[in-house]
C-alpha atoms as a PDB file:
ATOM      1  CA  UNK A   1     124.392 105.966  46.990  1.00  0.00           C
ATOM      2  CA  UNK A   2     120.623 106.405  47.606  1.00  0.00           C
ATOM      3  CA  UNK A   3     118.291 105.608  44.699  1.00  0.00           C
ATOM      4  CA  UNK A   4     117.394 108.439  42.372  1.00  0.00           C
ATOM      5  CA  UNK A   5     114.136 108.539  40.424  1.00  0.00           C
ATOM      6  CA  UNK A   6     113.765 110.350  37.145  1.00  0.00           C
ATOM      7  CA  UNK A   7     110.397 111.565  35.954  1.00  0.00           C
ATOM      8  CA  UNK A   8     110.282 112.129  32.227  1.00  0.00           C
ATOM      9  CA  UNK A   9     108.006 112.255  29.233  1.00  0.00           C
ATOM     10  CA  UNK A  10     108.319 110.985  26.586  1.00  0.00           C
ATOM     11  CA  UNK A  11     109.974 107.768  27.853  1.00  0.00           C
ATOM     12  CA  UNK A  12     112.683 107.558  25.144  1.00  0.00           C
ATOM     13  CA  UNK A  13     114.257 110.810  26.323  1.00  0.00           C
ATOM     14  CA  UNK A  14     114.220 109.750  29.962  1.00  0.00           C
ATOM     15  CA  UNK A  15     115.724 106.381  29.081  1.00  0.00           C
ATOM     16  CA  UNK A  16     118.468 108.062  27.054  1.00  0.00           C
ATOM     17  CA  UNK A  17     119.328 110.347  29.984  1.00  0.00           C
ATOM     18  CA  UNK A  18     119.530 107.397  32.361  1.00  0.00           C
ATOM     19  CA  UNK A  19     121.793 105.477  29.974  1.00  0.00           C
ATOM     20  CA  UNK A  20     124.086 108.491  29.712  1.00  0.00           C
ATOM     21  CA  UNK A  21     124.311 108.829  33.506  1.00  0.00           C
ATOM     22  CA  UNK A  22     124.989 105.130  33.991  1.00  0.00           C
ATOM     23  CA  UNK A  23     127.871 105.425  31.574  1.00  0.00           C
ATOM     24  CA  UNK A  24     129.337 108.058  33.904  1.00  0.00           C
ATOM     25  CA  UNK A  25     128.361 106.346  37.186  1.00  0.00           C
ATOM     26  CA  UNK A  26     127.860 102.600  36.600  1.00  0.00           C
ATOM     27  CA  UNK A  27     126.700 102.006  40.202  1.00  0.00           C
ATOM     28  CA  UNK A  28     123.969 104.673  40.099  1.00  0.00           C
ATOM     29  CA  UNK A  29     120.492 103.407  40.979  1.00  0.00           C
ATOM     30  CA  UNK A  30     118.283 105.435  38.654  1.00  0.00           C
ATOM     31  CA  UNK A  31     114.678 104.653  37.806  1.00  0.00           C
ATOM     32  CA  UNK A  32     112.282 106.063  35.265  1.00  0.00           C
ATOM     33  CA  UNK A  33     108.939 107.387  36.468  1.00  0.00           C
ATOM     34  CA  UNK A  34     106.670 108.228  33.547  1.00  0.00           C
ATOM     35  CA  UNK A  35     104.760 111.475  33.792  1.00  0.00           C
ATOM     36  CA  UNK A  36     102.769 113.198  31.041  1.00  0.00           C
ATOM     37  CA  UNK A  37     102.626 116.881  31.931  1.00  0.00           C
ATOM     38  CA  UNK A  38      99.675 117.427  29.601  1.00  0.00           C
ATOM     39  CA  UNK A  39      97.631 114.894  31.586  1.00  0.00           C
ATOM     40  CA  UNK A  40      97.142 115.793  35.270  1.00  0.00           C
ATOM     41  CA  UNK A  41      95.849 112.318  36.106  1.00  0.00           C
ATOM     42  CA  UNK A  42      99.197 110.943  34.885  1.00  0.00           C
ATOM     43  CA  UNK A  43     101.064 113.319  37.187  1.00  0.00           C
ATOM     44  CA  UNK A  44      98.962 112.251  40.178  1.00  0.00           C
ATOM     45  CA  UNK A  45      99.431 108.566  39.325  1.00  0.00           C
ATOM     46  CA  UNK A  46     103.203 109.044  39.144  1.00  0.00           C
ATOM     47  CA  UNK A  47     103.241 110.781  42.532  1.00  0.00           C
ATOM     48  CA  UNK A  48     101.193 107.970  44.101  1.00  0.00           C
ATOM     49  CA  UNK A  49     103.474 105.358  42.545  1.00  0.00           C
ATOM     50  CA  UNK A  50     106.515 107.081  44.024  1.00  0.00           C
ATOM     51  CA  UNK A  51     104.899 107.411  47.465  1.00  0.00           C
ATOM     52  CA  UNK A  52     104.047 103.692  47.486  1.00  0.00           C
ATOM     53  CA  UNK A  53     107.524 102.493  46.471  1.00  0.00           C
ATOM     54  CA  UNK A  54     109.929 105.003  48.057  1.00  0.00           C
ATOM     55  CA  UNK A  55     110.277 105.818  51.786  1.00  0.00           C
ATOM     56  CA  UNK A  56     111.391 109.427  51.287  1.00  0.00           C
ATOM     57  CA  UNK A  57     111.592 112.191  48.717  1.00  0.00           C
ATOM     58  CA  UNK A  58     114.852 114.041  49.310  1.00  0.00           C
ATOM     59  CA  UNK A  59     114.594 116.457  46.416  1.00  0.00           C
ATOM     60  CA  UNK A  60     112.409 117.308  43.438  1.00  0.00           C
ATOM     61  CA  UNK A  61     113.598 119.401  40.505  1.00  0.00           C
ATOM     62  CA  UNK A  62     110.550 120.413  38.481  1.00  0.00           C
ATOM     63  CA  UNK A  63     112.073 121.735  35.271  1.00  0.00           C
ATOM     64  CA  UNK A  64     109.922 120.171  32.575  1.00  0.00           C
ATOM     65  CA  UNK A  65     108.500 122.519  29.994  1.00  0.00           C
ATOM     66  CA  UNK A  66     106.155 122.456  27.044  1.00  0.00           C
ATOM     67  CA  UNK A  67     105.521 124.771  24.105  1.00  0.00           C
ATOM     68  CA  UNK A  68     101.791 125.416  23.960  1.00  0.00           C
ATOM     69  CA  UNK A  69      99.752 126.886  21.157  1.00  0.00           C
ATOM     70  CA  UNK A  70      99.715 130.653  20.923  1.00  0.00           C
ATOM     71  CA  UNK A  71      97.040 132.420  22.908  1.00  0.00           C
ATOM     72  CA  UNK A  72      96.196 135.943  23.986  1.00  0.00           C
ATOM     73  CA  UNK A  73      99.096 138.202  24.861  1.00  0.00           C
ATOM     74  CA  UNK A  74     101.673 136.585  22.607  1.00  0.00           C
ATOM     75  CA  UNK A  75     104.500 134.143  23.266  1.00  0.00           C
ATOM     76  CA  UNK A  76     106.581 136.344  25.583  1.00  0.00           C
ATOM     77  CA  UNK A  77     103.555 137.317  27.676  1.00  0.00           C
ATOM     78  CA  UNK A  78     102.632 133.664  28.147  1.00  0.00           C
ATOM     79  CA  UNK A  79     106.226 132.782  28.944  1.00  0.00           C
ATOM     80  CA  UNK A  80     106.433 135.553  31.534  1.00  0.00           C
ATOM     81  CA  UNK A  81     103.198 134.436  33.195  1.00  0.00           C
ATOM     82  CA  UNK A  82     104.431 130.849  33.383  1.00  0.00           C
ATOM     83  CA  UNK A  83     107.641 131.967  35.109  1.00  0.00           C
ATOM     84  CA  UNK A  84     105.662 134.167  37.489  1.00  0.00           C
ATOM     85  CA  UNK A  85     103.489 131.169  38.329  1.00  0.00           C
ATOM     86  CA  UNK A  86     106.609 129.114  39.124  1.00  0.00           C
ATOM     87  CA  UNK A  87     107.780 131.642  41.709  1.00  0.00           C
ATOM     88  CA  UNK A  88     104.324 132.147  43.236  1.00  0.00           C
ATOM     89  CA  UNK A  89     103.836 128.390  43.528  1.00  0.00           C
ATOM     90  CA  UNK A  90     107.190 127.996  45.320  1.00  0.00           C
ATOM     91  CA  UNK A  91     106.298 130.796  47.724  1.00  0.00           C
ATOM     92  CA  UNK A  92     102.873 129.385  48.561  1.00  0.00           C
ATOM     93  CA  UNK A  93     104.318 125.892  49.023  1.00  0.00           C
ATOM     94  CA  UNK A  94     106.798 127.398  51.491  1.00  0.00           C
ATOM     95  CA  UNK A  95     104.036 129.312  53.298  1.00  0.00           C
ATOM     96  CA  UNK A  96     102.098 126.088  53.754  1.00  0.00           C
ATOM     97  CA  UNK A  97     104.794 123.466  54.331  1.00  0.00           C
ATOM     98  CA  UNK A  98     108.108 125.313  54.656  1.00  0.00           C
ATOM     99  CA  UNK A  99     110.247 125.760  57.810  1.00  0.00           C
ATOM    100  CA  UNK A 100     107.638 128.117  59.253  1.00  0.00           C
ATOM    101  CA  UNK A 101     104.698 126.750  57.299  1.00  0.00           C
ATOM    102  CA  UNK A 102     101.167 126.927  58.652  1.00  0.00           C
ATOM    103  CA  UNK A 103     100.605 123.256  57.677  1.00  0.00           C
ATOM    104  CA  UNK A 104     104.153 122.052  58.273  1.00  0.00           C
ATOM    105  CA  UNK A 105     103.166 119.219  60.623  1.00  0.00           C
ATOM    106  CA  UNK A 106     100.607 117.803  58.190  1.00  0.00           C
ATOM    107  CA  UNK A 107     103.315 116.830  55.689  1.00  0.00           C
ATOM    108  CA  UNK A 108     105.341 114.859  58.234  1.00  0.00           C
ATOM    109  CA  UNK A 109     108.265 117.234  57.920  1.00  0.00           C
ATOM    110  CA  UNK A 110     109.174 120.494  56.273  1.00  0.00           C
ATOM    111  CA  UNK A 111     109.605 121.263  52.588  1.00  0.00           C
ATOM    112  CA  UNK A 112     112.282 123.670  51.384  1.00  0.00           C
ATOM    113  CA  UNK A 113     111.456 125.411  48.133  1.00  0.00           C
ATOM    114  CA  UNK A 114     113.407 127.467  45.634  1.00  0.00           C
ATOM    115  CA  UNK A 115     112.416 129.256  42.455  1.00  0.00           C
ATOM    116  CA  UNK A 116     115.253 128.922  39.961  1.00  0.00           C
ATOM    117  CA  UNK A 117     116.209 130.965  36.915  1.00  0.00           C
ATOM    118  CA  UNK A 118     118.684 128.620  35.174  1.00  0.00           C
ATOM    119  CA  UNK A 119     119.933 131.313  32.806  1.00  0.00           C
ATOM    120  CA  UNK A 120     119.737 131.396  29.017  1.00  0.00           C
ATOM    121  CA  UNK A 121     120.441 127.733  28.327  1.00  0.00           C
ATOM    122  CA  UNK A 122     120.863 126.346  24.807  1.00  0.00           C
ATOM    123  CA  UNK A 123     118.427 123.421  24.973  1.00  0.00           C
ATOM    124  CA  UNK A 124     116.222 121.847  22.308  1.00  0.00           C
ATOM    125  CA  UNK A 125     113.645 124.540  23.087  1.00  0.00           C
ATOM    126  CA  UNK A 126     115.954 127.376  22.049  1.00  0.00           C
ATOM    127  CA  UNK A 127     117.759 125.337  19.393  1.00  0.00           C
ATOM    128  CA  UNK A 128     114.462 124.708  17.592  1.00  0.00           C
ATOM    129  CA  UNK A 129     112.776 128.023  18.391  1.00  0.00           C
ATOM    130  CA  UNK A 130     110.253 127.805  15.568  1.00  0.00           C
ATOM    131  CA  UNK A 131     107.479 129.261  17.772  1.00  0.00           C
ATOM    132  CA  UNK A 132     109.056 132.627  16.882  1.00  0.00           C
ATOM    133  CA  UNK A 133     109.116 131.702  13.211  1.00  0.00           C
ATOM    134  CA  UNK A 134     112.175 131.034  11.085  1.00  0.00           C
ATOM    135  CA  UNK A 135     113.731 134.315  12.284  1.00  0.00           C
ATOM    136  CA  UNK A 136     113.667 133.048  15.873  1.00  0.00           C
ATOM    137  CA  UNK A 137     115.366 129.817  14.849  1.00  0.00           C
ATOM    138  CA  UNK A 138     118.134 131.689  13.024  1.00  0.00           C
ATOM    139  CA  UNK A 139     118.550 134.250  15.824  1.00  0.00           C
ATOM    140  CA  UNK A 140     118.924 131.537  18.476  1.00  0.00           C
ATOM    141  CA  UNK A 141     121.671 129.780  16.535  1.00  0.00           C
ATOM    142  CA  UNK A 142     123.530 133.009  15.794  1.00  0.00           C
ATOM    143  CA  UNK A 143     123.370 134.102  19.446  1.00  0.00           C
ATOM    144  CA  UNK A 144     124.632 130.706  20.558  1.00  0.00           C
ATOM    145  CA  UNK A 145     127.561 130.955  18.119  1.00  0.00           C
ATOM    146  CA  UNK A 146     128.561 134.203  19.843  1.00  0.00           C
ATOM    147  CA  UNK A 147     128.354 132.645  23.313  1.00  0.00           C
ATOM    148  CA  UNK A 148     125.088 134.266  24.405  1.00  0.00           C
ATOM    149  CA  UNK A 149     123.708 130.985  25.757  1.00  0.00           C
ATOM    150  CA  UNK A 150     124.860 128.718  28.575  1.00  0.00           C
ATOM    151  CA  UNK A 151     125.730 125.214  27.319  1.00  0.00           C
ATOM    152  CA  UNK A 152     123.022 122.670  28.129  1.00  0.00           C
ATOM    153  CA  UNK A 153     125.394 120.587  30.269  1.00  0.00           C
ATOM    154  CA  UNK A 154     125.802 123.563  32.632  1.00  0.00           C
ATOM    155  CA  UNK A 155     122.153 124.567  32.665  1.00  0.00           C
ATOM    156  CA  UNK A 156     121.276 122.504  35.740  1.00  0.00           C
ATOM    157  CA  UNK A 157     123.984 123.948  38.004  1.00  0.00           C
ATOM    158  CA  UNK A 158     121.688 126.251  39.988  1.00  0.00           C
ATOM    159  CA  UNK A 159     118.902 123.665  40.263  1.00  0.00           C
ATOM    160  CA  UNK A 160     121.347 121.063  41.563  1.00  0.00           C
ATOM    161  CA  UNK A 161     122.761 123.607  44.022  1.00  0.00           C
ATOM    162  CA  UNK A 162     119.295 124.206  45.490  1.00  0.00           C
ATOM    163  CA  UNK A 163     118.433 120.503  45.607  1.00  0.00           C
ATOM    164  CA  UNK A 164     121.694 118.977  46.807  1.00  0.00           C
ATOM    165  CA  UNK A 165     124.294 121.488  47.974  1.00  0.00           C
ATOM    166  CA  UNK A 166     125.395 121.407  51.616  1.00  0.00           C
ATOM    167  CA  UNK A 167     125.388 125.220  51.407  1.00  0.00           C
ATOM    168  CA  UNK A 168     121.605 125.257  50.903  1.00  0.00           C
ATOM    169  CA  UNK A 169     119.996 125.795  54.322  1.00  0.00           C
ATOM    170  CA  UNK A 170     116.472 126.092  55.676  1.00  0.00           C
ATOM    171  CA  UNK A 171     116.554 129.868  56.015  1.00  0.00           C
ATOM    172  CA  UNK A 172     117.198 130.064  52.262  1.00  0.00           C
ATOM    173  CA  UNK A 173     113.900 128.322  51.506  1.00  0.00           C
ATOM    174  CA  UNK A 174     111.596 130.211  49.128  1.00  0.00           C
ATOM    175  CA  UNK A 175     114.562 132.125  47.701  1.00  0.00           C
ATOM    176  CA  UNK A 176     114.749 133.177  44.056  1.00  0.00           C
ATOM    177  CA  UNK A 177     118.026 131.808  42.663  1.00  0.00           C
ATOM    178  CA  UNK A 178     119.922 132.819  39.548  1.00  0.00           C
ATOM    179  CA  UNK A 179     123.174 131.409  38.084  1.00  0.00           C
ATOM    180  CA  UNK A 180     125.201 130.185  39.716  1.00  0.00           C
ATOM    181  CA  UNK A 181     123.430 129.581  43.013  1.00  0.00           C
ATOM    182  CA  UNK A 182     122.967 133.270  43.848  1.00  0.00           C
ATOM    183  CA  UNK A 183     119.900 134.732  45.578  1.00  0.00           C
ATOM    184  CA  UNK A 184     118.177 137.554  43.697  1.00  0.00           C
ATOM    185  CA  UNK A 185     115.052 139.666  44.128  1.00  0.00           C
ATOM    186  CA  UNK A 186     112.076 138.712  41.942  1.00  0.00           C
ATOM    187  CA  UNK A 187     109.530 141.137  40.517  1.00  0.00           C
ATOM    188  CA  UNK A 188     106.880 142.923  42.564  1.00  0.00           C
ATOM    189  CA  UNK A 189     104.173 140.584  41.251  1.00  0.00           C
ATOM    190  CA  UNK A 190     106.272 137.567  42.230  1.00  0.00           C
ATOM    191  CA  UNK A 191     106.317 138.844  45.817  1.00  0.00           C
ATOM    192  CA  UNK A 192     102.512 139.107  45.994  1.00  0.00           C
ATOM    193  CA  UNK A 193     101.480 136.538  48.618  1.00  0.00           C
ATOM    194  CA  UNK A 194      97.772 136.970  47.984  1.00  0.00           C
ATOM    195  CA  UNK A 195      98.280 136.259  44.288  1.00  0.00           C
ATOM    196  CA  UNK A 196     100.187 133.107  45.238  1.00  0.00           C
ATOM    197  CA  UNK A 197      97.278 131.888  47.374  1.00  0.00           C
ATOM    198  CA  UNK A 198      94.848 132.525  44.521  1.00  0.00           C
ATOM    199  CA  UNK A 199      97.074 130.600  42.106  1.00  0.00           C
ATOM    200  CA  UNK A 200      97.297 127.671  44.526  1.00  0.00           C
ATOM    201  CA  UNK A 201      93.507 127.539  44.945  1.00  0.00           C
ATOM    202  CA  UNK A 202      93.015 127.778  41.177  1.00  0.00           C
ATOM    203  CA  UNK A 203      95.550 124.980  40.581  1.00  0.00           C
ATOM    204  CA  UNK A 204      93.764 122.656  43.021  1.00  0.00           C
ATOM    205  CA  UNK A 205      90.448 123.461  41.366  1.00  0.00           C
ATOM    206  CA  UNK A 206      91.821 122.927  37.838  1.00  0.00           C
ATOM    207  CA  UNK A 207      93.267 119.553  38.804  1.00  0.00           C
ATOM    208  CA  UNK A 208      89.854 118.510  40.060  1.00  0.00           C
ATOM    209  CA  UNK A 209      91.244 118.066  43.548  1.00  0.00           C
ATOM    210  CA  UNK A 210      93.229 115.022  42.372  1.00  0.00           C
ATOM    211  CA  UNK A 211      96.353 116.125  44.183  1.00  0.00           C
ATOM    212  CA  UNK A 212      94.800 117.325  47.443  1.00  0.00           C
ATOM    213  CA  UNK A 213      95.832 114.312  49.466  1.00  0.00           C
ATOM    214  CA  UNK A 214      99.362 113.908  48.114  1.00  0.00           C
ATOM    215  CA  UNK A 215     100.996 116.211  50.662  1.00  0.00           C
END
C-alpha cells in the first residue's frame, strides 16, 4: 500500500484520525502533515515539505473548513461565496494544468480536478452550529434526529470517489460532483471562466506570491 499523508490542523484531531485508521488497517502508512489554514505561510511550508519528502502526489482532498467572524452579507451569503470560490478554483486549475491545460507541461503531468458537494453531513460544524445562534444549534440536532443529515462516516464518499475510484477518468476532470459520485450542473456564476481567472489572480496576490512556484 503506498504511503498516505494527512494534512490537518489542529494536530490532536489529525493524530486521532490516524489512530482510528490504523486500528482499521494496521499496515497503513499514514503521516501527519501540519497545516494551519489561517496562516498561508504554513500552507506553503507544508506543501514544500511534502514535495521534498514524497516522489508523487496521487490525490489531494481539500475539505478543511473554518467558521470565520460574521461580515457583510450574512452567514449564508459568505458560505455561498466560499462554495462558489471552490468551484471556480477547480475550474481554473483544470484550465491551467488539466488534461487540456494551457500550462499542462509545466507541472510535469496533468492534474484532474473535481468540485465536490458532499451533501448535508452531520459534522462538528453542524452539530455545534452556534454561528446561527442557539436556534441554529437546536434546529441542526432536530433535523439530524429526523434523518435530514448524512452521517459523518459517509460524508467523504463522493470525495473519495473523485480521488480514488477507477471509474473517475480524465474526461470527467473539472466536473461538479454531488452524492454519491454523480455529475451535476453548477450555477451560472460557477461556470464563469473569466471570474475564475480573476479569483486565481487575486488568490496569488493575496498569498504574496508564496505559492507561485509550487506547481
